[in-house]
């Protein structure tokens, strides 16, 4: 009877180990299958997104150049505005001077 129990115990341990080994193999197969599937599905998408990223980076670089050019143009125009403001001030002073001369001449004529 003890020999029968030993055989049953050994056979249960062997069966349990075999079942565990089969479960490990099934888990590895499932993991690898999922990994290869995900890789096959997402690799083209990743490549497309990387290409779009590169294009967008080129556009950003171009836009930064445009911004630099426009900032230079703004600075030039601000300089011209300041120059024109100076001219306007000068002309206003000349107009005021001429108006004063006209008033002085009118005053002399009335006398």
N, C-alpha and C. Protein backbone atom coordinates (compact mmCIF):
# COMPACT_ATOMS: atom_id res chain seq x y z
N UNK A 1 0.82 -1.19 0.00
CA UNK A 1 0.00 0.00 0.00
C UNK A 1 0.86 1.26 0.00
N UNK A 2 1.93 1.27 0.76
CA UNK A 2 2.81 2.43 0.79
C UNK A 2 3.45 2.67 -0.56
N UNK A 3 3.74 1.58 -1.26
CA UNK A 3 4.34 1.77 -2.59
C UNK A 3 3.35 2.42 -3.54
N UNK A 4 2.10 2.07 -3.40
CA UNK A 4 1.06 2.68 -4.23
C UNK A 4 0.93 4.16 -3.94
N UNK A 5 1.00 4.53 -2.67
CA UNK A 5 0.95 5.95 -2.31
C UNK A 5 2.15 6.70 -2.84
N UNK A 6 3.29 6.09 -2.80
CA UNK A 6 4.51 6.73 -3.32
C UNK A 6 4.38 6.93 -4.83
N UNK A 7 3.87 5.94 -5.52
CA UNK A 7 3.70 6.05 -6.98
C UNK A 7 2.68 7.15 -7.30
N UNK A 8 1.56 7.17 -6.54
CA UNK A 8 0.55 8.20 -6.76
C UNK A 8 1.12 9.59 -6.46
N UNK A 9 1.87 9.71 -5.41
CA UNK A 9 2.47 11.00 -5.05
C UNK A 9 3.45 11.44 -6.12
N UNK A 10 4.24 10.51 -6.59
CA UNK A 10 5.23 10.84 -7.62
C UNK A 10 4.53 11.20 -8.93
N UNK A 11 3.48 10.47 -9.24
CA UNK A 11 2.78 10.75 -10.49
C UNK A 11 2.05 12.08 -10.41
N UNK A 12 1.52 12.47 -9.24
CA UNK A 12 0.87 13.77 -9.10
C UNK A 12 1.89 14.89 -9.21
N UNK A 13 3.06 14.71 -8.60
CA UNK A 13 4.11 15.73 -8.67
C UNK A 13 4.58 15.88 -10.11
N UNK A 14 4.75 14.77 -10.78
CA UNK A 14 5.17 14.81 -12.18
C UNK A 14 4.13 15.47 -13.05
N UNK A 15 2.87 15.15 -12.79
CA UNK A 15 1.78 15.75 -13.56
C UNK A 15 1.68 17.25 -13.30
N UNK A 16 1.85 17.63 -12.04
CA UNK A 16 1.79 19.05 -11.69
C UNK A 16 2.94 19.80 -12.37
N UNK A 17 4.13 19.22 -12.33
CA UNK A 17 5.29 19.85 -12.99
C UNK A 17 5.08 19.94 -14.50
N UNK A 18 4.51 18.88 -15.06
CA UNK A 18 4.25 18.89 -16.50
C UNK A 18 3.21 19.96 -16.85
N UNK A 19 2.17 20.08 -16.04
CA UNK A 19 1.14 21.10 -16.28
C UNK A 19 1.75 22.50 -16.15
N UNK A 20 2.58 22.70 -15.14
CA UNK A 20 3.25 24.01 -14.97
C UNK A 20 4.14 24.32 -16.17
N UNK A 21 4.86 23.32 -16.64
CA UNK A 21 5.73 23.51 -17.81
C UNK A 21 4.89 23.88 -19.04
N UNK A 22 3.76 23.19 -19.21
CA UNK A 22 2.89 23.50 -20.35
C UNK A 22 2.31 24.91 -20.23
N UNK A 23 1.94 25.32 -19.01
CA UNK A 23 1.42 26.67 -18.82
C UNK A 23 2.50 27.73 -19.13
N UNK A 24 3.72 27.45 -18.70
CA UNK A 24 4.83 28.38 -19.01
C UNK A 24 5.05 28.49 -20.52
N UNK A 25 5.03 27.36 -21.19
CA UNK A 25 5.20 27.37 -22.65
C UNK A 25 4.04 28.14 -23.31
N UNK A 26 2.82 27.91 -22.83
CA UNK A 26 1.67 28.62 -23.39
C UNK A 26 1.79 30.12 -23.15
N UNK A 27 2.26 30.50 -21.94
CA UNK A 27 2.43 31.93 -21.64
C UNK A 27 3.49 32.55 -22.54
N UNK A 28 4.58 31.84 -22.75
CA UNK A 28 5.66 32.36 -23.62
C UNK A 28 5.15 32.49 -25.05
N UNK A 29 4.44 31.49 -25.52
CA UNK A 29 3.89 31.55 -26.88
C UNK A 29 2.91 32.72 -27.00
N UNK A 30 2.05 32.90 -25.99
CA UNK A 30 1.10 34.02 -26.02
C UNK A 30 1.80 35.36 -26.01
N UNK A 31 2.83 35.49 -25.18
CA UNK A 31 3.58 36.75 -25.10
C UNK A 31 4.26 37.05 -26.43
N UNK A 32 4.94 36.06 -26.99
CA UNK A 32 5.64 36.28 -28.26
C UNK A 32 4.66 36.58 -29.40
N UNK A 33 3.54 35.90 -29.41
CA UNK A 33 2.53 36.15 -30.45
C UNK A 33 2.01 37.59 -30.34
N UNK A 34 1.70 38.01 -29.12
CA UNK A 34 1.21 39.38 -28.92
C UNK A 34 2.29 40.39 -29.29
N UNK A 35 3.53 40.11 -28.95
CA UNK A 35 4.63 41.03 -29.24
C UNK A 35 4.82 41.18 -30.75
N UNK A 36 4.86 40.04 -31.47
CA UNK A 36 5.02 40.10 -32.93
C UNK A 36 3.82 40.78 -33.59
N UNK A 37 2.62 40.50 -33.09
CA UNK A 37 1.42 41.13 -33.66
C UNK A 37 1.47 42.64 -33.45
N UNK A 38 1.78 43.06 -32.24
CA UNK A 38 1.86 44.51 -31.95
C UNK A 38 2.94 45.16 -32.79
N UNK A 39 4.06 44.47 -32.93
CA UNK A 39 5.15 45.01 -33.74
C UNK A 39 4.73 45.16 -35.19
N UNK A 40 4.03 44.16 -35.72
CA UNK A 40 3.62 44.23 -37.12
C UNK A 40 2.55 45.29 -37.35
N UNK A 41 1.71 45.53 -36.36
CA UNK A 41 0.64 46.52 -36.50
C UNK A 41 1.18 47.93 -36.29
N UNK A 42 1.99 48.12 -35.26
CA UNK A 42 2.38 49.47 -34.87
C UNK A 42 3.67 49.98 -35.53
N UNK A 43 4.48 49.11 -36.08
CA UNK A 43 5.71 49.56 -36.73
C UNK A 43 5.42 50.50 -37.91
N UNK A 44 4.49 50.18 -38.81
CA UNK A 44 4.20 51.13 -39.90
C UNK A 44 3.65 52.46 -39.38
N UNK A 45 2.82 52.39 -38.34
CA UNK A 45 2.26 53.62 -37.78
C UNK A 45 3.37 54.47 -37.17
N UNK A 46 4.30 53.82 -36.46
CA UNK A 46 5.42 54.55 -35.85
C UNK A 46 6.28 55.19 -36.93
N UNK A 47 6.54 54.46 -38.01
CA UNK A 47 7.35 55.02 -39.11
C UNK A 47 6.65 56.22 -39.73
N UNK A 48 5.34 56.12 -39.93
CA UNK A 48 4.57 57.23 -40.50
C UNK A 48 4.64 58.44 -39.57
N UNK A 49 4.45 58.21 -38.28
CA UNK A 49 4.49 59.31 -37.32
C UNK A 49 5.88 59.94 -37.24
N UNK A 50 6.92 59.13 -37.35
CA UNK A 50 8.28 59.67 -37.34
C UNK A 50 8.52 60.52 -38.59
N UNK A 51 8.00 60.08 -39.74
CA UNK A 51 8.13 60.88 -40.96
C UNK A 51 7.38 62.20 -40.82
N UNK A 52 6.17 62.16 -40.26
CA UNK A 52 5.41 63.39 -40.03
C UNK A 52 6.14 64.30 -39.06
N UNK A 53 6.75 63.72 -38.05
CA UNK A 53 7.51 64.50 -37.07
C UNK A 53 8.67 65.21 -37.75
N UNK A 54 9.38 64.49 -38.62
CA UNK A 54 10.50 65.10 -39.34
C UNK A 54 10.01 66.24 -40.22
N UNK A 55 8.89 66.04 -40.91
CA UNK A 55 8.32 67.11 -41.75
C UNK A 55 7.93 68.32 -40.90
N UNK A 56 7.31 68.06 -39.77
CA UNK A 56 6.90 69.16 -38.89
C UNK A 56 8.12 69.90 -38.33
N UNK A 57 9.18 69.16 -38.04
CA UNK A 57 10.40 69.82 -37.54
C UNK A 57 11.00 70.72 -38.63
N UNK A 58 10.94 70.26 -39.88
CA UNK A 58 11.41 71.10 -40.98
C UNK A 58 10.55 72.35 -41.10
N UNK A 59 9.24 72.18 -40.97
CA UNK A 59 8.34 73.32 -41.05
C UNK A 59 8.61 74.30 -39.91
N UNK A 60 8.86 73.77 -38.72
CA UNK A 60 9.15 74.63 -37.57
C UNK A 60 10.44 75.41 -37.82
N UNK A 61 11.45 74.75 -38.37
CA UNK A 61 12.70 75.44 -38.67
C UNK A 61 12.46 76.54 -39.69
N UNK A 62 11.67 76.25 -40.72
CA UNK A 62 11.34 77.26 -41.73
C UNK A 62 10.57 78.42 -41.13
N UNK A 63 9.63 78.11 -40.26
CA UNK A 63 8.84 79.16 -39.61
C UNK A 63 9.70 80.01 -38.69
N UNK A 64 10.66 79.39 -38.02
CA UNK A 64 11.57 80.17 -37.17
C UNK A 64 12.39 81.14 -38.01
N UNK A 65 12.82 80.70 -39.19
CA UNK A 65 13.55 81.59 -40.10
C UNK A 65 12.64 82.74 -40.54
N UNK A 66 11.39 82.41 -40.87
CA UNK A 66 10.44 83.44 -41.27
C UNK A 66 10.21 84.45 -40.15
N UNK A 67 10.10 83.95 -38.92
CA UNK A 67 9.89 84.83 -37.77
C UNK A 67 11.10 85.76 -37.61
N UNK A 68 12.30 85.21 -37.78
CA UNK A 68 13.50 86.04 -37.65
C UNK A 68 13.50 87.13 -38.73
N UNK A 69 13.14 86.75 -39.96
CA UNK A 69 13.09 87.74 -41.05
C UNK A 69 12.04 88.81 -40.76
N UNK A 70 10.87 88.36 -40.29
CA UNK A 70 9.80 89.32 -40.00
C UNK A 70 10.18 90.24 -38.84
N UNK A 71 10.88 89.71 -37.84
CA UNK A 71 11.33 90.57 -36.74
C UNK A 71 12.32 91.61 -37.25
N UNK A 72 13.19 91.21 -38.18
CA UNK A 72 14.11 92.17 -38.78
C UNK A 72 13.35 93.23 -39.56
N UNK A 73 12.35 92.80 -40.30
CA UNK A 73 11.53 93.75 -41.07
C UNK A 73 10.79 94.70 -40.13
N UNK A 74 10.27 94.17 -39.02
CA UNK A 74 9.58 95.02 -38.03
C UNK A 74 10.54 96.06 -37.47
N UNK A 75 11.75 95.63 -37.17
CA UNK A 75 12.74 96.57 -36.65
C UNK A 75 13.04 97.67 -37.67
N UNK A 76 13.17 97.26 -38.94
CA UNK A 76 13.41 98.26 -40.00
C UNK A 76 12.24 99.24 -40.08
N UNK A 77 11.03 98.71 -40.05
CA UNK A 77 9.85 99.57 -40.15
C UNK A 77 9.72 100.47 -38.93
N UNK A 78 10.05 99.94 -37.75
CA UNK A 78 10.02 100.78 -36.55
C UNK A 78 11.03 101.92 -36.67
N UNK A 79 12.18 101.63 -37.26
CA UNK A 79 13.18 102.68 -37.50
C UNK A 79 12.64 103.74 -38.45
N UNK A 80 11.97 103.29 -39.52
CA UNK A 80 11.38 104.24 -40.46
C UNK A 80 10.28 105.05 -39.79
N UNK A 81 9.48 104.40 -38.94
CA UNK A 81 8.42 105.12 -38.23
C UNK A 81 9.03 106.21 -37.35
N UNK A 82 10.08 105.86 -36.63
CA UNK A 82 10.75 106.86 -35.78
C UNK A 82 11.29 108.01 -36.63
N UNK A 83 11.86 107.67 -37.80
CA UNK A 83 12.38 108.70 -38.70
C UNK A 83 11.25 109.61 -39.18
N UNK A 84 10.12 109.00 -39.56
CA UNK A 84 8.98 109.78 -40.03
C UNK A 84 8.39 110.64 -38.91
N UNK A 85 8.37 110.12 -37.68
CA UNK A 85 7.90 110.92 -36.56
C UNK A 85 8.79 112.14 -36.35
N UNK A 86 10.10 111.92 -36.52
CA UNK A 86 11.02 113.04 -36.43
C UNK A 86 10.74 114.07 -37.51
N UNK A 87 10.49 113.62 -38.74
CA UNK A 87 10.17 114.53 -39.83
C UNK A 87 8.87 115.28 -39.55
N UNK A 88 7.87 114.56 -39.04
CA UNK A 88 6.59 115.21 -38.72
C UNK A 88 6.80 116.29 -37.66
N UNK A 89 7.57 115.96 -36.63
CA UNK A 89 7.84 116.94 -35.59
C UNK A 89 8.55 118.16 -36.17
N UNK A 90 9.51 117.91 -37.05
CA UNK A 90 10.24 119.01 -37.70
C UNK A 90 9.30 119.85 -38.54
N UNK A 91 8.41 119.19 -39.31
CA UNK A 91 7.45 119.93 -40.13
C UNK A 91 6.47 120.72 -39.28
N UNK A 92 6.04 120.12 -38.15
CA UNK A 92 5.13 120.85 -37.26
C UNK A 92 5.82 122.09 -36.70
N UNK A 93 7.09 121.96 -36.38
CA UNK A 93 7.84 123.12 -35.87
C UNK A 93 7.96 124.18 -36.96
N UNK A 94 8.21 123.74 -38.21
CA UNK A 94 8.31 124.69 -39.31
C UNK A 94 6.97 125.38 -39.53
N UNK A 95 5.86 124.61 -39.47
CA UNK A 95 4.53 125.18 -39.64
C UNK A 95 4.26 126.19 -38.54
N UNK A 96 4.59 125.83 -37.32
CA UNK A 96 4.38 126.76 -36.20
C UNK A 96 5.21 128.02 -36.39
N UNK A 97 6.43 127.86 -36.87
CA UNK A 97 7.30 129.02 -37.11
C UNK A 97 6.70 129.91 -38.21
N UNK A 98 6.23 129.27 -39.28
CA UNK A 98 5.63 130.05 -40.38
C UNK A 98 4.35 130.74 -39.92
N UNK A 99 3.54 130.07 -39.11
CA UNK A 99 2.33 130.69 -38.60
C UNK A 99 2.67 131.90 -37.73
N UNK A 100 3.73 131.78 -36.96
CA UNK A 100 4.15 132.91 -36.12
C UNK A 100 4.61 134.07 -37.00
N UNK A 101 5.35 133.76 -38.07
CA UNK A 101 5.78 134.80 -38.99
C UNK A 101 4.58 135.49 -39.62
N UNK A 102 3.58 134.67 -40.01
CA UNK A 102 2.38 135.24 -40.62
C UNK A 102 1.66 136.15 -39.63
N UNK A 103 1.53 135.72 -38.38
CA UNK A 103 0.88 136.55 -37.35
C UNK A 103 1.67 137.83 -37.14
N UNK A 104 2.98 137.72 -37.10
CA UNK A 104 3.81 138.92 -36.92
C UNK A 104 3.63 139.88 -38.10
N UNK A 105 3.59 139.32 -39.32
CA UNK A 105 3.40 140.16 -40.51
C UNK A 105 2.02 140.82 -40.50
N UNK A 106 0.99 140.08 -40.10
CA UNK A 106 -0.35 140.65 -40.00
C UNK A 106 -0.38 141.74 -38.96
N UNK A 107 0.34 141.52 -37.87
CA UNK A 107 0.40 142.57 -36.83
C UNK A 107 1.08 143.81 -37.34
N UNK A 108 2.12 143.68 -38.12
CA UNK A 108 2.83 144.83 -38.67
C UNK A 108 1.98 145.55 -39.69
N UNK A 109 1.22 144.77 -40.48
CA UNK A 109 0.37 145.38 -41.51
C UNK A 109 -0.73 146.19 -40.83
N UNK A 110 -1.30 145.76 -39.75
CA UNK A 110 -2.39 146.44 -39.07
C UNK A 110 -1.88 147.73 -38.40
N UNK A 111 -0.66 147.77 -38.08
CA UNK A 111 -0.14 148.95 -37.39
C UNK A 111 0.00 150.04 -38.34
